[in-house]
C-alpha atoms as a PDB file:
ATOM      1  CA  MET A   1       0.000   0.000   0.000  1.00  0.00           C
ATOM      2  CA  LYS A   2       1.340   3.431  -0.974  1.00  0.00           C
ATOM      3  CA  LEU A   3       1.566   6.452   1.325  1.00  0.00           C
ATOM      4  CA  ILE A   4       1.254   9.946  -0.130  1.00  0.00           C
ATOM      5  CA  ILE A   5       1.731  13.062   1.973  1.00  0.00           C
ATOM      6  CA  MET A   6      -0.081  16.216   0.864  1.00  0.00           C
ATOM      7  CA  THR A   7       1.394  19.572   1.856  1.00  0.00           C
ATOM      8  CA  LYS A   8      -0.557  22.044   3.939  1.00  0.00           C
ATOM      9  CA  PRO A   9      -2.403  24.538   1.688  1.00  0.00           C
ATOM     10  CA  THR A  10      -0.392  27.383   3.251  1.00  0.00           C
ATOM     11  CA  PHE A  11       3.348  27.958   3.573  1.00  0.00           C
ATOM     12  CA  PHE A  12       5.131  28.183   6.924  1.00  0.00           C
ATOM     13  CA  VAL A  13       8.635  28.873   8.175  1.00  0.00           C
ATOM     14  CA  GLU A  14       9.790  25.358   9.086  1.00  0.00           C
ATOM     15  CA  GLU A  15       8.224  23.663   6.055  1.00  0.00           C
ATOM     16  CA  ASP A  16      11.397  23.004   4.068  1.00  0.00           C
ATOM     17  CA  LYS A  17      13.145  21.518   7.119  1.00  0.00           C
ATOM     18  CA  ILE A  18      10.210  19.198   7.840  1.00  0.00           C
ATOM     19  CA  LEU A  19       9.897  18.104   4.206  1.00  0.00           C
ATOM     20  CA  THR A  20      13.634  17.405   4.035  1.00  0.00           C
ATOM     21  CA  THR A  21      13.387  15.232   7.141  1.00  0.00           C
ATOM     22  CA  LEU A  22      10.358  13.389   5.744  1.00  0.00           C
ATOM     23  CA  PHE A  23      12.287  12.621   2.557  1.00  0.00           C
ATOM     24  CA  GLU A  24      15.254  11.458   4.640  1.00  0.00           C
ATOM     25  CA  GLU A  25      12.859   9.158   6.507  1.00  0.00           C
ATOM     26  CA  GLY A  26      11.758   7.565   3.237  1.00  0.00           C
ATOM     27  CA  LEU A  27       8.854   9.651   1.913  1.00  0.00           C
ATOM     28  CA  GLU A  28       8.413   8.493  -1.685  1.00  0.00           C
ATOM     29  CA  ASN A  29       5.634  10.763  -2.947  1.00  0.00           C
ATOM     30  CA  LEU A  30       4.857  14.300  -1.800  1.00  0.00           C
ATOM     31  CA  HIS A  31       1.976  16.182  -3.403  1.00  0.00           C
ATOM     32  CA  LEU A  32       2.738  19.897  -3.478  1.00  0.00           C
ATOM     33  CA  SER A  33      -0.643  21.621  -3.304  1.00  0.00           C
ATOM     34  CA  LYS A  34      -0.844  25.346  -2.537  1.00  0.00           C
ATOM     35  CA  PRO A  35      -4.102  26.294  -4.299  1.00  0.00           C
ATOM     36  CA  GLN A  36      -4.484  29.922  -3.221  1.00  0.00           C
ATOM     37  CA  SER A  37      -0.846  30.970  -3.579  1.00  0.00           C
ATOM     38  CA  GLU A  38       1.322  32.593  -6.200  1.00  0.00           C
ATOM     39  CA  PRO A  39       3.647  30.062  -7.870  1.00  0.00           C
ATOM     40  CA  VAL A  40       6.738  32.059  -6.886  1.00  0.00           C
ATOM     41  CA  TYR A  41       6.274  30.833  -3.301  1.00  0.00           C
ATOM     42  CA  SER A  42       6.251  27.206  -4.441  1.00  0.00           C
ATOM     43  CA  GLU A  43       9.407  27.943  -6.423  1.00  0.00           C
ATOM     44  CA  ARG A  44      11.041  29.328  -3.305  1.00  0.00           C
ATOM     45  CA  LEU A  45      10.095  26.227  -1.308  1.00  0.00           C
ATOM     46  CA  LEU A  46      11.520  23.957  -4.015  1.00  0.00           C
ATOM     47  CA  THR A  47      14.816  25.853  -4.072  1.00  0.00           C
ATOM     48  CA  LEU A  48      15.146  25.200  -0.322  1.00  0.00           C
ATOM     49  CA  LEU A  49      14.945  21.442  -0.922  1.00  0.00           C
ATOM     50  CA  SER A  50      17.692  19.263  -2.331  1.00  0.00           C
ATOM     51  CA  ASP A  51      17.139  18.546  -6.005  1.00  0.00           C
ATOM     52  CA  ASP A  52      17.678  14.875  -5.075  1.00  0.00           C
ATOM     53  CA  TYR A  53      14.062  14.942  -3.868  1.00  0.00           C
ATOM     54  CA  TYR A  54      12.434  16.559  -6.900  1.00  0.00           C
ATOM     55  CA  ARG A  55      11.602  13.196  -8.514  1.00  0.00           C
ATOM     56  CA  ARG A  56       9.458  12.421  -5.469  1.00  0.00           C
ATOM     57  CA  ILE A  57       7.254  15.533  -5.794  1.00  0.00           C
ATOM     58  CA  THR A  58       3.979  15.762  -7.724  1.00  0.00           C
ATOM     59  CA  VAL A  59       2.678  19.282  -8.297  1.00  0.00           C
ATOM     60  CA  HIS A  60      -0.900  20.605  -8.264  1.00  0.00           C
ATOM     61  CA  HIS A  61      -1.995  23.830 -10.023  1.00  0.00           C
ATOM     62  CA  HIS A  62       1.362  25.260 -11.160  1.00  0.00           C
ATOM     63  CA  PHE A  63       2.194  22.647 -13.757  1.00  0.00           C
ATOM     64  CA  TYR A  64       5.172  24.461 -15.306  1.00  0.00           C
ATOM     65  CA  LEU A  65       7.107  23.637 -12.121  1.00  0.00           C
ATOM     66  CA  ARG A  66       7.189  20.014 -13.222  1.00  0.00           C
ATOM     67  CA  GLU A  67       9.401  20.807 -16.212  1.00  0.00           C
ATOM     68  CA  GLU A  68      11.370  23.589 -14.558  1.00  0.00           C
ATOM     69  CA  TYR A  69      12.436  21.480 -11.574  1.00  0.00           C
ATOM     70  CA  GLY A  70      12.219  17.963 -13.005  1.00  0.00           C
ATOM     71  CA  LEU A  71       9.409  16.946 -10.662  1.00  0.00           C
ATOM     72  CA  ARG A  72       7.740  13.527 -10.650  1.00  0.00           C
ATOM     73  CA  GLY A  73       4.518  14.622 -12.343  1.00  0.00           C
ATOM     74  CA  ILE A  74       1.322  16.663 -12.225  1.00  0.00           C
ATOM     75  CA  HIS A  75      -2.024  16.213 -10.476  1.00  0.00           C
ATOM     76  CA  LEU A  76      -5.353  17.266 -11.967  1.00  0.00           C
ATOM     77  CA  ASN A  77      -7.992  18.382  -9.479  1.00  0.00           C
ATOM     78  CA  THR A  78     -10.840  16.898 -11.559  1.00  0.00           C
ATOM     79  CA  PRO A  79     -11.000  14.260 -14.322  1.00  0.00           C
ATOM     80  CA  THR A  80     -12.016  16.994 -16.771  1.00  0.00           C
ATOM     81  CA  GLU A  81      -9.123  19.372 -16.038  1.00  0.00           C
ATOM     82  CA  GLU A  82      -6.898  19.585 -19.097  1.00  0.00           C
ATOM     83  CA  GLN A  83      -3.272  18.565 -19.064  1.00  0.00           C
ATOM     84  CA  PRO A  84      -0.725  21.035 -20.459  1.00  0.00           C
ATOM     85  CA  TYR A  85      -0.537  20.810 -24.253  1.00  0.00           C
ATOM     86  CA  GLY A  86       1.824  18.040 -25.320  1.00  0.00           C
ATOM     87  CA  TYR A  87       2.388  16.759 -21.793  1.00  0.00           C
ATOM     88  CA  LYS A  88       3.621  13.158 -21.766  1.00  0.00           C
ATOM     89  CA  GLY A  89       4.694  12.530 -18.179  1.00  0.00           C
ATOM     90  CA  HIS A  90       3.281  11.073 -14.984  1.00  0.00           C
ATOM     91  CA  VAL A  91      -0.263  12.252 -14.204  1.00  0.00           C
ATOM     92  CA  SER A  92      -2.760  11.627 -11.424  1.00  0.00           C
ATOM     93  CA  CYS A  93      -6.167  13.152 -10.707  1.00  0.00           C
ATOM     94  CA  SER A  94      -8.862  13.550  -8.081  1.00  0.00           C
ATOM     95  CA  CYS A  95     -12.380  12.153  -8.377  1.00  0.00           C
ATOM     96  CA  GLN A  96     -15.349  13.283  -6.307  1.00  0.00           C
ATOM     97  CA  LYS A  97     -17.734  10.659  -7.721  1.00  0.00           C
ATOM     98  CA  LEU A  98     -17.433   6.882  -7.768  1.00  0.00           C
ATOM     99  CA  GLU A  99     -18.764   6.753 -11.323  1.00  0.00           C
ATOM    100  CA  ASP A 100     -15.769   8.795 -12.540  1.00  0.00           C
ATOM    101  CA  LEU A 101     -13.239   6.222 -11.371  1.00  0.00           C
ATOM    102  CA  LYS A 102     -13.483   3.872 -14.340  1.00  0.00           C
ATOM    103  CA  TRP A 103     -12.611   6.575 -16.869  1.00  0.00           C
ATOM    104  CA  ALA A 104     -10.008   8.239 -14.659  1.00  0.00           C
ATOM    105  CA  LYS A 105      -8.104   5.006 -14.016  1.00  0.00           C
ATOM    106  CA  LYS A 106      -7.675   4.465 -17.745  1.00  0.00           C
ATOM    107  CA  HIS A 107      -6.176   7.897 -18.320  1.00  0.00           C
ATOM    108  CA  THR A 108      -3.967   8.428 -15.255  1.00  0.00           C
ATOM    109  CA  ASP A 109      -1.324   6.602 -13.234  1.00  0.00           C
ATOM    110  CA  TYR A 110      -3.450   6.712 -10.081  1.00  0.00           C
ATOM    111  CA  VAL A 111      -6.568   8.435  -8.759  1.00  0.00           C
ATOM    112  CA  PHE A 112      -7.472  10.113  -5.466  1.00  0.00           C
ATOM    113  CA  LEU A 113     -11.014   9.320  -4.358  1.00  0.00           C
ATOM    114  CA  GLU A 114     -12.281  12.289  -2.297  1.00  0.00           C
ATOM    115  CA  THR A 115     -13.644  12.686   0.374  1.00  0.00           C
ATOM    116  CA  ILE A 116     -13.651   9.365   2.232  1.00  0.00           C
ATOM    117  CA  PHE A 117     -14.097  10.973   5.656  1.00  0.00           C
ATOM    118  CA  ASP A 118     -14.548  14.550   6.857  1.00  0.00           C
ATOM    119  CA  SER A 119     -11.366  16.429   6.030  1.00  0.00           C
ATOM    120  CA  THR A 120      -9.273  17.671   8.962  1.00  0.00           C
ATOM    121  CA  SER A 121      -7.293  20.100   6.791  1.00  0.00           C
ATOM    122  CA  ILE A 122     -10.243  21.605   4.856  1.00  0.00           C
ATOM    123  CA  PRO A 123     -13.215  21.564   7.293  1.00  0.00           C
ATOM    124  CA  GLN A 124     -15.836  22.313   4.635  1.00  0.00           C
ATOM    125  CA  ASN A 125     -14.988  19.060   2.819  1.00  0.00           C
ATOM    126  CA  LYS A 126     -17.363  16.494   4.309  1.00  0.00           C
ATOM    127  CA  GLN A 127     -17.597  12.727   3.909  1.00  0.00           C
ATOM    128  CA  SER A 128     -18.941  11.870   0.453  1.00  0.00           C
ATOM    129  CA  TYR A 129     -19.761   8.152   0.666  1.00  0.00           C
ATOM    130  CA  THR A 130     -21.154   5.614   3.091  1.00  0.00           C
ATOM    131  CA  MET A 131     -19.077   2.552   3.960  1.00  0.00           C
ATOM    132  CA  GLU A 132     -21.706   0.478   2.192  1.00  0.00           C
ATOM    133  CA  GLU A 133     -21.147   2.457  -1.026  1.00  0.00           C
ATOM    134  CA  LEU A 134     -17.396   1.973  -0.746  1.00  0.00           C
ATOM    135  CA  HIS A 135     -17.741  -1.766  -0.165  1.00  0.00           C
ATOM    136  CA  GLU A 136     -20.013  -1.971  -3.201  1.00  0.00           C
ATOM    137  CA  ALA A 137     -17.495  -0.040  -5.325  1.00  0.00           C
ATOM    138  CA  SER A 138     -14.769  -2.392  -4.158  1.00  0.00           C
ATOM    139  CA  ARG A 139     -16.820  -5.475  -5.030  1.00  0.00           C
ATOM    140  CA  HIS A 140     -17.356  -4.099  -8.550  1.00  0.00           C
ATOM    141  CA  GLY A 141     -13.649  -3.409  -9.043  1.00  0.00           C
ATOM    142  CA  LEU A 142     -13.948   0.373  -9.052  1.00  0.00           C
ATOM    143  CA  ILE A 143     -11.670   0.581  -6.014  1.00  0.00           C
ATOM    144  CA  ASP A 144      -8.364  -1.149  -6.660  1.00  0.00           C
ATOM    145  CA  ARG A 145      -4.602  -0.576  -6.421  1.00  0.00           C
ATOM    146  CA  HIS A 146      -4.834   2.447  -8.745  1.00  0.00           C
ATOM    147  CA  VAL A 147      -7.233   4.279  -6.392  1.00  0.00           C
ATOM    148  CA  TYR A 148      -5.971   6.079  -3.278  1.00  0.00           C
ATOM    149  CA  ALA A 149      -8.201   7.057  -0.370  1.00  0.00           C
ATOM    150  CA  CYS A 150      -8.148  10.811   0.338  1.00  0.00           C
ATOM    151  CA  GLY A 151      -9.884  12.994   2.918  1.00  0.00           C
ATOM    152  CA  GLY A 152      -9.790  12.476   6.657  1.00  0.00           C
ATOM    153  CA  ILE A 153      -7.300   9.613   6.409  1.00  0.00           C
ATOM    154  CA  ASN A 154      -5.494   8.949   9.677  1.00  0.00           C
ATOM    155  CA  ALA A 155      -3.644   6.263  11.600  1.00  0.00           C
ATOM    156  CA  ASP A 156      -6.927   4.853  12.909  1.00  0.00           C
ATOM    157  CA  ASN A 157      -8.569   4.156   9.538  1.00  0.00           C
ATOM    158  CA  ILE A 158      -5.684   3.143   7.260  1.00  0.00           C
ATOM    159  CA  ARG A 159      -6.253  -0.571   7.861  1.00  0.00           C
ATOM    160  CA  GLN A 160      -9.907  -0.102   6.953  1.00  0.00           C
ATOM    161  CA  MET A 161      -8.814   1.461   3.653  1.00  0.00           C
ATOM    162  CA  ARG A 162      -6.534  -1.500   2.982  1.00  0.00           C
ATOM    163  CA  ASP A 163      -9.445  -3.886   3.619  1.00  0.00           C
ATOM    164  CA  LEU A 164     -11.536  -1.958   1.081  1.00  0.00           C
ATOM    165  CA  GLY A 165      -8.876  -2.580  -1.563  1.00  0.00           C
ATOM    166  CA  PHE A 166      -7.399   0.909  -1.917  1.00  0.00           C
ATOM    167  CA  GLY A 167      -3.901   0.904  -3.366  1.00  0.00           C
ATOM    168  CA  GLY A 168      -2.797   3.805  -1.218  1.00  0.00           C
ATOM    169  CA  VAL A 169      -3.778   6.583   1.155  1.00  0.00           C
ATOM    170  CA  VAL A 170      -3.296  10.353   1.064  1.00  0.00           C
ATOM    171  CA  VAL A 171      -2.546  11.950   4.433  1.00  0.00           C
ATOM    172  CA  CYS A 172      -2.621  15.671   5.160  1.00  0.00           C
ATOM    173  CA  GLY A 173      -4.204  16.990   8.354  1.00  0.00           C
ATOM    174  CA  ASP A 174      -3.425  13.900  10.435  1.00  0.00           C
ATOM    175  CA  LEU A 175       0.265  14.671   9.969  1.00  0.00           C
ATOM    176  CA  TRP A 176       0.446  18.468   9.825  1.00  0.00           C
ATOM    177  CA  ASN A 177      -1.882  19.030  12.789  1.00  0.00           C
ATOM    178  CA  ARG A 178       0.921  17.644  14.962  1.00  0.00           C
ATOM    179  CA  PHE A 179       2.999  20.779  14.451  1.00  0.00           C
ATOM    180  CA  ASN A 180       2.123  24.352  15.448  1.00  0.00           C
ATOM    181  CA  ILE A 181       3.093  26.401  12.402  1.00  0.00           C
ATOM    182  CA  GLN A 182       2.850  29.685  14.329  1.00  0.00           C
ATOM    183  CA  GLN A 183       5.056  28.792  17.281  1.00  0.00           C
ATOM    184  CA  GLY A 184       6.524  25.329  16.743  1.00  0.00           C
ATOM    185  CA  GLN A 185      10.182  24.584  16.136  1.00  0.00           C
ATOM    186  CA  ASP A 186      10.437  21.007  17.375  1.00  0.00           C
ATOM    187  CA  PHE A 187       8.779  18.663  14.892  1.00  0.00           C
ATOM    188  CA  LYS A 188       9.818  15.331  16.431  1.00  0.00           C
ATOM    189  CA  GLU A 189       6.182  14.391  17.115  1.00  0.00           C
ATOM    190  CA  LEU A 190       5.296  14.946  13.448  1.00  0.00           C
ATOM    191  CA  ILE A 191       8.207  12.786  12.253  1.00  0.00           C
ATOM    192  CA  ALA A 192       7.381  10.041  14.752  1.00  0.00           C
ATOM    193  CA  HIS A 193       3.807  10.018  13.450  1.00  0.00           C
ATOM    194  CA  PHE A 194       5.052   9.769   9.856  1.00  0.00           C
ATOM    195  CA  GLN A 195       7.086   6.721  10.862  1.00  0.00           C
ATOM    196  CA  LYS A 196       3.941   5.219  12.379  1.00  0.00           C
ATOM    197  CA  LEU A 197       2.031   5.839   9.149  1.00  0.00           C
ATOM    198  CA  GLN A 198       4.810   4.143   7.192  1.00  0.00           C
ATOM    199  CA  ARG A 199       4.523   1.053   9.381  1.00  0.00           C
ATOM    200  CA  LEU A 200       0.753   0.947   8.924  1.00  0.00           C
ATOM    201  CA  VAL A 201       0.949   0.943   5.113  1.00  0.00           C
ATOM    202  CA  SER A 202       3.849  -1.495   4.832  1.00  0.00           C
END
């Protein structure tokens, strides 16, 4: 089972140090998502990271960063969002409806299914499916190793996602809420929780 970490939507002072430590601890796929920001701030964050880690970063929104920094790939926020003209690389996308999964899986490397549970990082994003609907989707092969559970994923429900047949999980709030971005400097608790998440998906 794959583990993807999604960045916080906002930037903060210690972010590059935490991301560097996460990569050192074995993070394989970071999704860089800063939807309400100017791309120059994402550029600045990338320049603070070792270019050894660029192939482990998938970018949302500011797709030109993929080519400029040699990133892993791009992520589309909906199945209908257009890829950059002539783009040939790694691509993933988000789906908000179960019926979109079949098409999306054929045209992308993997798909985020949102929102499995109430989001802890974006409070207005509420649970979209019942467990019965998810079990039914799994039985019909809609949920498989190409579909990653996203939204409210935490250490307590990862095993449940594995049992449903998801190929991976996307974690955001469950990790970042363990660090106070206004006052925090010590992020040992956050790193220890990442290590726990790694054990749960392995």
